[in-house]
Every structure is written in C-alpha cells, then in structure tokens.
C-alpha cells in the first residue's frame, strides 16, 4: 500500500474494546511493539473525555516510524450522524495507507454503533473487518455497576475473543467466572483467553469477525461545537472541558507547553485521587511523563515527547476542588 495512487482496499481492521481501566491502551502498545517491521499500522483512538490523552500516551511511547495514530475525543466515534469519526478515519487511511488498522473505542462507547459505521457500503471495500477483541477484568463480574451496564455487556456480546486481562491479580474462581459469563452473554464461538499487562499475540487479530453485518442505524446527536482537544489555547494557557454520559462525568484540562509542573507535588496529588479513571501526559520539571490511574493504582511512564500537558478524569462524581489543587502543582 505504498503508492499514493493505489486505492485503499481490504485493510484488516480490528476493534479493541473494553470497559474503563481494563488495559486497552496497554494491549495496543504491546501489539504495536510486536508488529511486523515491514508493515504500516494505523490506530484510531476514541475517548469519552473532550481533551484527548490516549493519542499522546501512545505516540509518546511509540518510536516505530511505521505507526500512525489519530484521536477522536469526546465520545464521538459511535455517532453515524456526526462526522468526526469518518473524517478522522478517512484522513488516517489516506495518510497511513496501512497494512492493519486498530480501532479503540472509548470504554463507555457502544461498539455495535462503531461496527455499524464500519459496515456501511462506503467502508465495505476499504476495510476488512477482522476479529473484535474485548478486554475484561474478571474481578469486576462481582460488581453490578459493570454487569448491569449495557455497554459492558455489549462489549462482550460483539467479541470474537474475550481477553481476561490482569490475570496476575485474579483470585481462585475468577477465570471460571469469566468463562461462564461469556457463555451467557457472547456469541457461541467467542474465544476466551487470559493475559497480563495487556500482552496478547498479534495472531489473535487474524480472522474475520462474526459481527460484520448490521443494518444502518442513525443517531441525531449534534456535534457542531468545536473539539476542545483542537481549540486554540486561550491567553491564560489553560483550557477546561467537560463531558457527560453513561452515568459518568469527565473533566479535562489542557496546558500550554511553557506551563511546567512540579513532578513530586503532582504525584502526591494523583495518588490521592478517588476517580474511576485518570489519564495524563504532563511536562514536569524532570521530564515528560504519562500517568494512568485505575482501581489497581497509579502508573508513571517516561515519554519521548508531547506537545502540551493534558489530564482527564472520569468519575461518577467530580471533585470541584481538584482544579485548584492541580494549579498549585505548577512551578
């Protein structure tokens, strides 16, 4: 697919989905690390929050030149009526001319609706829908906030392969519980495997999905407002954005690159957070770092680059005092 004049046809395409904090980004980073050296891969990332952090996290850890990443913030990927997903996808395909496309919907997005977009006549020649991979933390099956959540169940229902991630943290019986739950919710041929730290074989991507035929489905959401992830920063050097849906709230901030954070103060603040999910890329006084907070704790990874600091919180209730605390971490 190296020629710019050749039509883009039959790009193997996988949806990598799963609920908040299950390790989707880690799985994608692992797959990218082990991709064939001669192949060009593209990644389309969707986030529930308006700011957009995942793209920077992946790009900042990705030294491979044959990887192309595009982000669609604000939970907009699922909307067939709104065009952000299709515009981003078309631009990504034209730029990357990829040998494989990975799509990561937001953990709160409905993957059926993503499949409906990808199954439209326009994309049927361009893309070849291969296996849908759904990551699940089997420990969550004892929590009705997950098992009663439509999106959680839909992610399992569309899976060709369910990956029981974070296996190293499971207790006795967790694996069997996941297998039983998948049999109840998913397709009869859905495969169940287990992984630690999101490490799965790229061989799991191969093979056509069972879920590539959906009738057209139309939404009537209006997305005319500009994306907070792309808007010019105001003179203050800080931009804030919020989003709501699926019983969760997100709040995020962007900071101009000249605004540098005290790393030690920042870590103390992040460790005290009580949220469902936090992701950040931060320019600090000792370098650029990516942060990821789940119920299992806070992780920090050094990044090669980022254009500006970004942080996003997802929670059922957002602490109104967090912004003031965050600003107090600036140098």
C-alpha atoms as a PDB file:
ATOM      1  CA  UNK A   1       0.000   0.000   0.000  1.00  0.00           C
ATOM      2  CA  UNK A   2       2.931   2.290  -0.568  1.00  0.00           C
ATOM      3  CA  UNK A   3       1.700   4.082  -3.680  1.00  0.00           C
ATOM      4  CA  UNK A   4      -0.411   7.176  -3.142  1.00  0.00           C
ATOM      5  CA  UNK A   5      -2.288   6.376  -6.358  1.00  0.00           C
ATOM      6  CA  UNK A   6      -3.384   2.902  -5.378  1.00  0.00           C
ATOM      7  CA  UNK A   7      -6.899   2.586  -3.955  1.00  0.00           C
ATOM      8  CA  UNK A   8      -7.112   1.563  -0.315  1.00  0.00           C
ATOM      9  CA  UNK A   9      -8.819  -1.814  -0.296  1.00  0.00           C
ATOM     10  CA  UNK A  10      -9.440  -4.550   2.273  1.00  0.00           C
ATOM     11  CA  UNK A  11      -7.409  -3.127   5.168  1.00  0.00           C
ATOM     12  CA  UNK A  12      -7.511  -5.726   8.002  1.00  0.00           C
ATOM     13  CA  UNK A  13      -9.321  -3.908  10.815  1.00  0.00           C
ATOM     14  CA  UNK A  14      -9.751  -4.853  14.464  1.00  0.00           C
ATOM     15  CA  UNK A  15     -11.803  -3.224  17.190  1.00  0.00           C
ATOM     16  CA  UNK A  16     -10.030  -3.376  20.564  1.00  0.00           C
ATOM     17  CA  UNK A  17     -12.639  -2.615  23.200  1.00  0.00           C
ATOM     18  CA  UNK A  18     -13.302  -2.981  26.920  1.00  0.00           C
ATOM     19  CA  UNK A  19     -14.614  -1.011  29.883  1.00  0.00           C
ATOM     20  CA  UNK A  20     -12.791   1.795  31.687  1.00  0.00           C
ATOM     21  CA  UNK A  21      -9.367   0.915  33.066  1.00  0.00           C
ATOM     22  CA  UNK A  22      -9.183  -2.626  31.705  1.00  0.00           C
ATOM     23  CA  UNK A  23      -5.921  -2.071  29.797  1.00  0.00           C
ATOM     24  CA  UNK A  24      -6.890  -1.353  26.176  1.00  0.00           C
ATOM     25  CA  UNK A  25      -4.077   1.140  25.624  1.00  0.00           C
ATOM     26  CA  UNK A  26      -1.533  -1.277  27.114  1.00  0.00           C
ATOM     27  CA  UNK A  27      -2.783  -4.001  24.775  1.00  0.00           C
ATOM     28  CA  UNK A  28      -2.453  -1.740  21.743  1.00  0.00           C
ATOM     29  CA  UNK A  29       1.069  -0.663  22.761  1.00  0.00           C
ATOM     30  CA  UNK A  30       2.024  -4.325  23.110  1.00  0.00           C
ATOM     31  CA  UNK A  31       0.610  -5.166  19.679  1.00  0.00           C
ATOM     32  CA  UNK A  32       2.435  -2.217  18.100  1.00  0.00           C
ATOM     33  CA  UNK A  33       5.689  -3.236  19.729  1.00  0.00           C
ATOM     34  CA  UNK A  34       5.461  -6.689  18.161  1.00  0.00           C
ATOM     35  CA  UNK A  35       4.051  -5.815  14.759  1.00  0.00           C
ATOM     36  CA  UNK A  36       5.962  -6.951  11.632  1.00  0.00           C
ATOM     37  CA  UNK A  37       8.741  -4.419  10.985  1.00  0.00           C
ATOM     38  CA  UNK A  38       7.832  -4.000   7.319  1.00  0.00           C
ATOM     39  CA  UNK A  39       4.161  -3.202   7.966  1.00  0.00           C
ATOM     40  CA  UNK A  40       2.456   0.153   8.384  1.00  0.00           C
ATOM     41  CA  UNK A  41      -0.178   0.136  11.122  1.00  0.00           C
ATOM     42  CA  UNK A  42      -2.748   2.798  11.927  1.00  0.00           C
ATOM     43  CA  UNK A  43      -4.564   3.365  15.222  1.00  0.00           C
ATOM     44  CA  UNK A  44      -7.810   5.312  15.634  1.00  0.00           C
ATOM     45  CA  UNK A  45      -8.383   6.148  19.298  1.00  0.00           C
ATOM     46  CA  UNK A  46     -11.650   7.386  20.781  1.00  0.00           C
ATOM     47  CA  UNK A  47     -12.030   8.846  24.262  1.00  0.00           C
ATOM     48  CA  UNK A  48     -15.024   9.700  26.408  1.00  0.00           C
ATOM     49  CA  UNK A  49     -13.386  12.921  27.561  1.00  0.00           C
ATOM     50  CA  UNK A  50     -13.199  16.080  25.448  1.00  0.00           C
ATOM     51  CA  UNK A  51      -9.485  16.745  25.929  1.00  0.00           C
ATOM     52  CA  UNK A  52      -7.937  13.610  24.429  1.00  0.00           C
ATOM     53  CA  UNK A  53      -4.983  11.966  26.188  1.00  0.00           C
ATOM     54  CA  UNK A  54      -4.697   8.436  24.781  1.00  0.00           C
ATOM     55  CA  UNK A  55      -3.269   9.549  21.445  1.00  0.00           C
ATOM     56  CA  UNK A  56      -0.448  11.408  23.191  1.00  0.00           C
ATOM     57  CA  UNK A  57       0.181   8.481  25.543  1.00  0.00           C
ATOM     58  CA  UNK A  58       0.500   6.029  22.663  1.00  0.00           C
ATOM     59  CA  UNK A  59       2.515   8.379  20.458  1.00  0.00           C
ATOM     60  CA  UNK A  60       4.847   9.305  23.301  1.00  0.00           C
ATOM     61  CA  UNK A  61       5.789   5.656  23.833  1.00  0.00           C
ATOM     62  CA  UNK A  62       5.947   4.775  20.152  1.00  0.00           C
ATOM     63  CA  UNK A  63       9.357   5.067  18.496  1.00  0.00           C
ATOM     64  CA  UNK A  64       8.349   2.927  15.487  1.00  0.00           C
ATOM     65  CA  UNK A  65       8.127   5.082  12.345  1.00  0.00           C
ATOM     66  CA  UNK A  66       5.580   2.826  10.647  1.00  0.00           C
ATOM     67  CA  UNK A  67       2.772   3.608  13.116  1.00  0.00           C
ATOM     68  CA  UNK A  68       0.167   6.328  12.531  1.00  0.00           C
ATOM     69  CA  UNK A  69      -2.186   7.489  15.283  1.00  0.00           C
ATOM     70  CA  UNK A  70      -5.323   9.625  15.152  1.00  0.00           C
ATOM     71  CA  UNK A  71      -7.613  10.606  18.013  1.00  0.00           C
ATOM     72  CA  UNK A  72     -11.357  11.331  18.172  1.00  0.00           C
ATOM     73  CA  UNK A  73     -12.113  12.818  21.608  1.00  0.00           C
ATOM     74  CA  UNK A  74     -15.480  13.436  23.195  1.00  0.00           C
ATOM     75  CA  UNK A  75     -17.130  10.036  22.761  1.00  0.00           C
ATOM     76  CA  UNK A  76     -17.981  10.920  19.167  1.00  0.00           C
ATOM     77  CA  UNK A  77     -16.783   7.759  17.469  1.00  0.00           C
ATOM     78  CA  UNK A  78     -20.120   5.993  17.735  1.00  0.00           C
ATOM     79  CA  UNK A  79     -22.148   8.734  16.064  1.00  0.00           C
ATOM     80  CA  UNK A  80     -23.072   7.998  12.484  1.00  0.00           C
ATOM     81  CA  UNK A  81     -24.903  11.334  12.140  1.00  0.00           C
ATOM     82  CA  UNK A  82     -21.887  13.278  13.370  1.00  0.00           C
ATOM     83  CA  UNK A  83     -18.921  13.059  11.015  1.00  0.00           C
ATOM     84  CA  UNK A  84     -15.843  13.342  13.294  1.00  0.00           C
ATOM     85  CA  UNK A  85     -15.146   9.594  13.248  1.00  0.00           C
ATOM     86  CA  UNK A  86     -15.498   9.219   9.499  1.00  0.00           C
ATOM     87  CA  UNK A  87     -13.434  12.319   8.759  1.00  0.00           C
ATOM     88  CA  UNK A  88     -10.668  11.183  11.139  1.00  0.00           C
ATOM     89  CA  UNK A  89     -10.747   7.634   9.768  1.00  0.00           C
ATOM     90  CA  UNK A  90     -10.612   8.770   6.132  1.00  0.00           C
ATOM     91  CA  UNK A  91      -7.709  11.130   6.834  1.00  0.00           C
ATOM     92  CA  UNK A  92      -5.858   8.423   8.772  1.00  0.00           C
ATOM     93  CA  UNK A  93      -6.282   5.881   5.978  1.00  0.00           C
ATOM     94  CA  UNK A  94      -5.097   8.339   3.330  1.00  0.00           C
ATOM     95  CA  UNK A  95      -2.036   9.324   5.345  1.00  0.00           C
ATOM     96  CA  UNK A  96      -1.039   5.894   6.607  1.00  0.00           C
ATOM     97  CA  UNK A  97      -2.016   3.576   3.721  1.00  0.00           C
ATOM     98  CA  UNK A  98      -1.935   0.931   6.477  1.00  0.00           C
ATOM     99  CA  UNK A  99      -1.447  -2.811   6.372  1.00  0.00           C
ATOM    100  CA  UNK A 100      -3.608  -3.003   9.507  1.00  0.00           C
ATOM    101  CA  UNK A 101      -5.985  -0.673  11.341  1.00  0.00           C
ATOM    102  CA  UNK A 102      -6.712  -0.883  15.065  1.00  0.00           C
ATOM    103  CA  UNK A 103      -9.716   0.983  16.455  1.00  0.00           C
ATOM    104  CA  UNK A 104     -10.025   1.665  20.194  1.00  0.00           C
ATOM    105  CA  UNK A 105     -13.499   2.950  21.103  1.00  0.00           C
ATOM    106  CA  UNK A 106     -13.988   4.689  24.419  1.00  0.00           C
ATOM    107  CA  UNK A 107     -14.615   2.356  27.332  1.00  0.00           C
ATOM    108  CA  UNK A 108     -18.061   3.946  27.647  1.00  0.00           C
ATOM    109  CA  UNK A 109     -18.929   3.748  23.940  1.00  0.00           C
ATOM    110  CA  UNK A 110     -21.254   1.300  22.234  1.00  0.00           C
ATOM    111  CA  UNK A 111     -19.103  -0.868  19.938  1.00  0.00           C
ATOM    112  CA  UNK A 112     -22.174  -2.001  17.963  1.00  0.00           C
ATOM    113  CA  UNK A 113     -22.502   1.522  16.651  1.00  0.00           C
ATOM    114  CA  UNK A 114     -18.858   1.605  15.601  1.00  0.00           C
ATOM    115  CA  UNK A 115     -19.434  -1.658  13.721  1.00  0.00           C
ATOM    116  CA  UNK A 116     -22.481  -0.136  12.038  1.00  0.00           C
ATOM    117  CA  UNK A 117     -20.361   2.716  10.691  1.00  0.00           C
ATOM    118  CA  UNK A 118     -17.619   0.357   9.531  1.00  0.00           C
ATOM    119  CA  UNK A 119     -20.191  -1.917   7.850  1.00  0.00           C
ATOM    120  CA  UNK A 120     -21.666   0.816   5.666  1.00  0.00           C
ATOM    121  CA  UNK A 121     -21.294   0.496   1.919  1.00  0.00           C
ATOM    122  CA  UNK A 122     -18.532   3.126   1.822  1.00  0.00           C
ATOM    123  CA  UNK A 123     -16.207   1.107   4.057  1.00  0.00           C
ATOM    124  CA  UNK A 124     -17.026  -2.422   2.892  1.00  0.00           C
ATOM    125  CA  UNK A 125     -14.412  -2.289   0.148  1.00  0.00           C
ATOM    126  CA  UNK A 126     -11.928  -0.181   2.070  1.00  0.00           C
ATOM    127  CA  UNK A 127     -11.871  -2.249   5.269  1.00  0.00           C
ATOM    128  CA  UNK A 128     -11.903  -5.956   6.022  1.00  0.00           C
ATOM    129  CA  UNK A 129     -13.399  -6.360   9.481  1.00  0.00           C
ATOM    130  CA  UNK A 130     -11.400  -8.927  11.402  1.00  0.00           C
ATOM    131  CA  UNK A 131     -11.702 -10.152  14.986  1.00  0.00           C
ATOM    132  CA  UNK A 132     -13.164  -7.895  17.651  1.00  0.00           C
ATOM    133  CA  UNK A 133     -11.056  -8.131  20.805  1.00  0.00           C
ATOM    134  CA  UNK A 134     -12.728  -7.283  24.130  1.00  0.00           C
ATOM    135  CA  UNK A 135     -10.651  -6.927  27.284  1.00  0.00           C
ATOM    136  CA  UNK A 136     -12.394  -7.750  30.572  1.00  0.00           C
ATOM    137  CA  UNK A 137     -11.158  -7.670  34.158  1.00  0.00           C
ATOM    138  CA  UNK A 138     -12.815 -10.814  35.551  1.00  0.00           C
ATOM    139  CA  UNK A 139     -12.724  -9.347  39.067  1.00  0.00           C
ATOM    140  CA  UNK A 140     -15.401  -6.847  38.012  1.00  0.00           C
ATOM    141  CA  UNK A 141     -18.009  -9.571  37.453  1.00  0.00           C
ATOM    142  CA  UNK A 142     -18.939  -9.400  41.145  1.00  0.00           C
ATOM    143  CA  UNK A 143     -19.854  -5.698  40.780  1.00  0.00           C
ATOM    144  CA  UNK A 144     -23.332  -4.936  39.438  1.00  0.00           C
ATOM    145  CA  UNK A 145     -22.141  -1.496  38.266  1.00  0.00           C
ATOM    146  CA  UNK A 146     -20.465  -3.491  35.495  1.00  0.00           C
ATOM    147  CA  UNK A 147     -22.732  -6.484  34.941  1.00  0.00           C
ATOM    148  CA  UNK A 148     -25.841  -4.266  34.834  1.00  0.00           C
ATOM    149  CA  UNK A 149     -24.211  -1.766  32.478  1.00  0.00           C
ATOM    150  CA  UNK A 150     -25.400  -2.035  28.880  1.00  0.00           C
ATOM    151  CA  UNK A 151     -22.049  -1.024  27.408  1.00  0.00           C
ATOM    152  CA  UNK A 152     -20.085  -3.579  29.457  1.00  0.00           C
ATOM    153  CA  UNK A 153     -22.346  -6.373  28.217  1.00  0.00           C
ATOM    154  CA  UNK A 154     -22.414  -5.116  24.643  1.00  0.00           C
ATOM    155  CA  UNK A 155     -18.611  -5.134  24.539  1.00  0.00           C
ATOM    156  CA  UNK A 156     -18.649  -8.820  25.455  1.00  0.00           C
ATOM    157  CA  UNK A 157     -21.524  -9.600  23.116  1.00  0.00           C
ATOM    158  CA  UNK A 158     -19.692  -8.376  19.997  1.00  0.00           C
ATOM    159  CA  UNK A 159     -16.387 -10.065  20.909  1.00  0.00           C
ATOM    160  CA  UNK A 160     -14.768 -12.730  18.778  1.00  0.00           C
ATOM    161  CA  UNK A 161     -12.137 -13.046  21.500  1.00  0.00           C
ATOM    162  CA  UNK A 162     -12.531 -12.031  25.135  1.00  0.00           C
ATOM    163  CA  UNK A 163      -9.230 -11.361  26.897  1.00  0.00           C
ATOM    164  CA  UNK A 164      -9.329 -11.797  30.669  1.00  0.00           C
ATOM    165  CA  UNK A 165      -6.719  -9.129  31.374  1.00  0.00           C
ATOM    166  CA  UNK A 166      -4.855  -8.522  34.666  1.00  0.00           C
ATOM    167  CA  UNK A 167      -4.803 -12.264  35.297  1.00  0.00           C
ATOM    168  CA  UNK A 168      -1.939 -11.804  37.753  1.00  0.00           C
ATOM    169  CA  UNK A 169      -4.397 -10.089  40.126  1.00  0.00           C
ATOM    170  CA  UNK A 170      -7.145 -12.732  39.981  1.00  0.00           C
ATOM    171  CA  UNK A 171      -8.336 -14.878  42.857  1.00  0.00           C
ATOM    172  CA  UNK A 172      -9.365 -18.526  42.633  1.00  0.00           C
ATOM    173  CA  UNK A 173     -12.524 -18.862  40.583  1.00  0.00           C
ATOM    174  CA  UNK A 174     -12.194 -15.582  38.644  1.00  0.00           C
ATOM    175  CA  UNK A 175     -11.197 -17.288  35.397  1.00  0.00           C
ATOM    176  CA  UNK A 176     -14.112 -19.732  35.537  1.00  0.00           C
ATOM    177  CA  UNK A 177     -16.494 -16.890  36.345  1.00  0.00           C
ATOM    178  CA  UNK A 178     -15.418 -15.067  33.198  1.00  0.00           C
ATOM    179  CA  UNK A 179     -15.796 -18.163  31.015  1.00  0.00           C
ATOM    180  CA  UNK A 180     -19.292 -18.742  32.416  1.00  0.00           C
ATOM    181  CA  UNK A 181     -20.293 -15.098  31.902  1.00  0.00           C
ATOM    182  CA  UNK A 182     -19.019 -15.067  28.321  1.00  0.00           C
ATOM    183  CA  UNK A 183     -21.041 -18.197  27.519  1.00  0.00           C
ATOM    184  CA  UNK A 184     -24.136 -16.442  28.814  1.00  0.00           C
ATOM    185  CA  UNK A 185     -23.628 -13.116  27.036  1.00  0.00           C
ATOM    186  CA  UNK A 186     -21.459 -13.649  23.963  1.00  0.00           C
ATOM    187  CA  UNK A 187     -21.623 -15.457  20.627  1.00  0.00           C
ATOM    188  CA  UNK A 188     -21.358 -19.240  20.799  1.00  0.00           C
ATOM    189  CA  UNK A 189     -17.976 -19.198  19.031  1.00  0.00           C
ATOM    190  CA  UNK A 190     -16.400 -16.490  21.207  1.00  0.00           C
ATOM    191  CA  UNK A 191     -12.949 -17.474  22.409  1.00  0.00           C
ATOM    192  CA  UNK A 192     -11.698 -16.708  25.935  1.00  0.00           C
ATOM    193  CA  UNK A 193      -8.007 -16.203  26.663  1.00  0.00           C
ATOM    194  CA  UNK A 194      -6.147 -14.611  29.573  1.00  0.00           C
ATOM    195  CA  UNK A 195      -3.377 -12.031  29.693  1.00  0.00           C
ATOM    196  CA  UNK A 196      -1.237  -9.929  31.994  1.00  0.00           C
ATOM    197  CA  UNK A 197      -0.427  -6.261  31.329  1.00  0.00           C
ATOM    198  CA  UNK A 198      -2.405  -6.379  28.079  1.00  0.00           C
ATOM    199  CA  UNK A 199       0.109  -8.630  26.331  1.00  0.00           C
ATOM    200  CA  UNK A 200      -1.668 -10.641  23.631  1.00  0.00           C
ATOM    201  CA  UNK A 201      -0.353 -12.279  20.484  1.00  0.00           C
ATOM    202  CA  UNK A 202      -0.885 -10.469  17.184  1.00  0.00           C
ATOM    203  CA  UNK A 203      -2.132 -13.820  15.854  1.00  0.00           C
ATOM    204  CA  UNK A 204      -5.322 -13.141  17.818  1.00  0.00           C
ATOM    205  CA  UNK A 205      -6.111 -10.349  15.349  1.00  0.00           C
ATOM    206  CA  UNK A 206      -6.339 -12.618  12.310  1.00  0.00           C
ATOM    207  CA  UNK A 207      -9.617 -13.999  11.013  1.00  0.00           C
ATOM    208  CA  UNK A 208     -12.934 -12.426  10.042  1.00  0.00           C
ATOM    209  CA  UNK A 209     -15.322 -11.206  12.701  1.00  0.00           C
ATOM    210  CA  UNK A 210     -18.698 -12.858  13.259  1.00  0.00           C
ATOM    211  CA  UNK A 211     -20.217  -9.403  13.638  1.00  0.00           C
ATOM    212  CA  UNK A 212     -19.850  -7.592  10.342  1.00  0.00           C
ATOM    213  CA  UNK A 213     -23.459  -7.283   9.245  1.00  0.00           C
ATOM    214  CA  UNK A 214     -25.501  -4.575  10.900  1.00  0.00           C
ATOM    215  CA  UNK A 215     -28.374  -2.614   9.404  1.00  0.00           C
ATOM    216  CA  UNK A 216     -27.922   1.153   9.132  1.00  0.00           C
ATOM    217  CA  UNK A 217     -28.557   2.896  12.419  1.00  0.00           C
ATOM    218  CA  UNK A 218     -28.957   6.631  12.759  1.00  0.00           C
ATOM    219  CA  UNK A 219     -28.343   8.986  15.640  1.00  0.00           C
ATOM    220  CA  UNK A 220     -29.493  12.543  15.975  1.00  0.00           C
ATOM    221  CA  UNK A 221     -26.772  13.900  18.224  1.00  0.00           C
ATOM    222  CA  UNK A 222     -25.499  17.351  17.397  1.00  0.00           C
ATOM    223  CA  UNK A 223     -21.729  17.785  17.493  1.00  0.00           C
ATOM    224  CA  UNK A 224     -21.388  21.232  15.991  1.00  0.00           C
ATOM    225  CA  UNK A 225     -19.309  22.655  18.837  1.00  0.00           C
ATOM    226  CA  UNK A 226     -15.538  22.736  18.230  1.00  0.00           C
ATOM    227  CA  UNK A 227     -13.437  19.972  19.719  1.00  0.00           C
ATOM    228  CA  UNK A 228     -11.778  21.042  22.956  1.00  0.00           C
ATOM    229  CA  UNK A 229      -8.789  18.897  22.008  1.00  0.00           C
ATOM    230  CA  UNK A 230      -8.110  21.055  18.928  1.00  0.00           C
ATOM    231  CA  UNK A 231      -9.245  24.532  20.005  1.00  0.00           C
ATOM    232  CA  UNK A 232      -6.558  27.232  20.341  1.00  0.00           C
ATOM    233  CA  UNK A 233      -5.434  27.681  23.924  1.00  0.00           C
ATOM    234  CA  UNK A 234      -6.571  30.982  25.488  1.00  0.00           C
ATOM    235  CA  UNK A 235      -4.092  33.586  26.727  1.00  0.00           C
ATOM    236  CA  UNK A 236      -4.266  32.052  30.201  1.00  0.00           C
ATOM    237  CA  UNK A 237      -2.562  28.938  28.790  1.00  0.00           C
ATOM    238  CA  UNK A 238      -5.247  26.641  30.211  1.00  0.00           C
ATOM    239  CA  UNK A 239      -8.405  25.169  28.709  1.00  0.00           C
ATOM    240  CA  UNK A 240     -11.015  23.099  30.578  1.00  0.00           C
ATOM    241  CA  UNK A 241     -13.679  20.815  29.083  1.00  0.00           C
ATOM    242  CA  UNK A 242     -16.388  18.540  30.454  1.00  0.00           C
ATOM    243  CA  UNK A 243     -18.482  15.691  29.081  1.00  0.00           C
ATOM    244  CA  UNK A 244     -21.333  13.599  30.496  1.00  0.00           C
ATOM    245  CA  UNK A 245     -22.983  10.318  29.599  1.00  0.00           C
ATOM    246  CA  UNK A 246     -23.461   6.656  30.507  1.00  0.00           C
ATOM    247  CA  UNK A 247     -23.778   7.673  34.202  1.00  0.00           C
ATOM    248  CA  UNK A 248     -20.246   9.114  34.202  1.00  0.00           C
ATOM    249  CA  UNK A 249     -18.736  12.603  34.060  1.00  0.00           C
ATOM    250  CA  UNK A 250     -15.410  13.622  32.585  1.00  0.00           C
ATOM    251  CA  UNK A 251     -13.431  16.775  33.175  1.00  0.00           C
ATOM    252  CA  UNK A 252     -10.164  17.573  31.475  1.00  0.00           C
ATOM    253  CA  UNK A 253      -7.569  20.310  31.153  1.00  0.00           C
ATOM    254  CA  UNK A 254      -5.008  21.331  28.544  1.00  0.00           C
ATOM    255  CA  UNK A 255      -1.983  23.432  29.480  1.00  0.00           C
ATOM    256  CA  UNK A 256       0.385  25.411  27.271  1.00  0.00           C
ATOM    257  CA  UNK A 257       3.843  23.788  26.977  1.00  0.00           C
ATOM    258  CA  UNK A 258       5.523  26.582  28.935  1.00  0.00           C
ATOM    259  CA  UNK A 259       3.478  25.616  31.998  1.00  0.00           C
ATOM    260  CA  UNK A 260       5.690  23.157  33.854  1.00  0.00           C
ATOM    261  CA  UNK A 261       4.528  21.009  36.773  1.00  0.00           C
ATOM    262  CA  UNK A 262       6.379  20.041  39.926  1.00  0.00           C
ATOM    263  CA  UNK A 263       6.596  16.288  39.464  1.00  0.00           C
ATOM    264  CA  UNK A 264       6.695  15.365  43.138  1.00  0.00           C
ATOM    265  CA  UNK A 265       3.715  17.552  44.049  1.00  0.00           C
ATOM    266  CA  UNK A 266       1.800  16.179  41.085  1.00  0.00           C
ATOM    267  CA  UNK A 267       2.392  12.539  42.040  1.00  0.00           C
ATOM    268  CA  UNK A 268       1.195  13.193  45.600  1.00  0.00           C
ATOM    269  CA  UNK A 269      -1.986  14.784  44.223  1.00  0.00           C
ATOM    270  CA  UNK A 270      -2.678  11.981  41.744  1.00  0.00           C
ATOM    271  CA  UNK A 271      -2.154   9.286  44.370  1.00  0.00           C
ATOM    272  CA  UNK A 272      -4.934  10.829  46.448  1.00  0.00           C
ATOM    273  CA  UNK A 273      -7.462  10.898  43.603  1.00  0.00           C
ATOM    274  CA  UNK A 274     -10.727   8.986  44.037  1.00  0.00           C
ATOM    275  CA  UNK A 275     -11.979   8.555  40.475  1.00  0.00           C
ATOM    276  CA  UNK A 276     -12.928   5.755  38.117  1.00  0.00           C
ATOM    277  CA  UNK A 277     -10.165   6.717  35.691  1.00  0.00           C
ATOM    278  CA  UNK A 278      -7.401   9.290  35.236  1.00  0.00           C
ATOM    279  CA  UNK A 279      -5.027   9.677  32.315  1.00  0.00           C
ATOM    280  CA  UNK A 280      -2.476  12.395  31.766  1.00  0.00           C
ATOM    281  CA  UNK A 281       0.561  13.475  29.777  1.00  0.00           C
ATOM    282  CA  UNK A 282       2.460  16.080  31.768  1.00  0.00           C
ATOM    283  CA  UNK A 283       5.501  18.284  31.171  1.00  0.00           C
ATOM    284  CA  UNK A 284       7.288  18.319  34.540  1.00  0.00           C
ATOM    285  CA  UNK A 285      10.462  19.823  35.959  1.00  0.00           C
ATOM    286  CA  UNK A 286      12.227  16.475  35.489  1.00  0.00           C
ATOM    287  CA  UNK A 287      10.878  15.410  32.091  1.00  0.00           C
ATOM    288  CA  UNK A 288       7.720  14.386  30.266  1.00  0.00           C
ATOM    289  CA  UNK A 289       5.609  11.639  31.840  1.00  0.00           C
ATOM    290  CA  UNK A 290       2.416   9.732  31.193  1.00  0.00           C
ATOM    291  CA  UNK A 291       0.146   8.864  34.115  1.00  0.00           C
ATOM    292  CA  UNK A 292      -2.567   6.243  34.339  1.00  0.00           C
ATOM    293  CA  UNK A 293      -4.776   5.735  37.391  1.00  0.00           C
ATOM    294  CA  UNK A 294      -7.165   2.797  37.812  1.00  0.00           C
ATOM    295  CA  UNK A 295      -8.538   0.930  40.812  1.00  0.00           C
ATOM    296  CA  UNK A 296      -5.250  -1.003  40.788  1.00  0.00           C
ATOM    297  CA  UNK A 297      -3.150   2.100  41.402  1.00  0.00           C
ATOM    298  CA  UNK A 298      -1.133   4.818  39.667  1.00  0.00           C
ATOM    299  CA  UNK A 299       1.430   4.112  36.965  1.00  0.00           C
ATOM    300  CA  UNK A 300       4.010   6.502  35.545  1.00  0.00           C
ATOM    301  CA  UNK A 301       5.948   6.126  32.295  1.00  0.00           C
ATOM    302  CA  UNK A 302       8.518   8.483  30.776  1.00  0.00           C
ATOM    303  CA  UNK A 303       7.543   9.770  27.337  1.00  0.00           C
ATOM    304  CA  UNK A 304       9.733  10.811  24.425  1.00  0.00           C
ATOM    305  CA  UNK A 305       7.584  13.791  23.520  1.00  0.00           C
ATOM    306  CA  UNK A 306       4.305  15.634  23.947  1.00  0.00           C
ATOM    307  CA  UNK A 307       3.163  18.993  22.601  1.00  0.00           C
ATOM    308  CA  UNK A 308       1.399  20.102  25.801  1.00  0.00           C
ATOM    309  CA  UNK A 309       0.224  18.832  29.173  1.00  0.00           C
ATOM    310  CA  UNK A 310      -3.198  17.177  29.267  1.00  0.00           C
ATOM    311  CA  UNK A 311      -5.126  15.490  32.068  1.00  0.00           C
ATOM    312  CA  UNK A 312      -8.551  13.840  32.083  1.00  0.00           C
ATOM    313  CA  UNK A 313     -10.656  12.484  34.966  1.00  0.00           C
ATOM    314  CA  UNK A 314     -13.659  10.167  34.607  1.00  0.00           C
ATOM    315  CA  UNK A 315     -15.848   9.609  37.629  1.00  0.00           C
ATOM    316  CA  UNK A 316     -19.422   9.311  38.798  1.00  0.00           C
ATOM    317  CA  UNK A 317     -18.818  12.474  40.863  1.00  0.00           C
ATOM    318  CA  UNK A 318     -16.117  15.057  40.052  1.00  0.00           C
ATOM    319  CA  UNK A 319     -14.336  16.865  42.907  1.00  0.00           C
ATOM    320  CA  UNK A 320     -14.786  20.603  42.316  1.00  0.00           C
ATOM    321  CA  UNK A 321     -11.599  21.429  44.268  1.00  0.00           C
ATOM    322  CA  UNK A 322      -9.285  19.369  42.041  1.00  0.00           C
ATOM    323  CA  UNK A 323      -8.531  22.203  39.609  1.00  0.00           C
ATOM    324  CA  UNK A 324      -7.201  24.433  42.382  1.00  0.00           C
ATOM    325  CA  UNK A 325      -5.046  21.582  43.676  1.00  0.00           C
ATOM    326  CA  UNK A 326      -3.767  20.876  40.174  1.00  0.00           C
ATOM    327  CA  UNK A 327      -2.823  24.511  39.595  1.00  0.00           C
ATOM    328  CA  UNK A 328      -0.910  24.501  42.875  1.00  0.00           C
ATOM    329  CA  UNK A 329       1.439  21.930  41.301  1.00  0.00           C
ATOM    330  CA  UNK A 330       2.672  24.393  38.678  1.00  0.00           C
ATOM    331  CA  UNK A 331       6.206  25.673  39.078  1.00  0.00           C
END
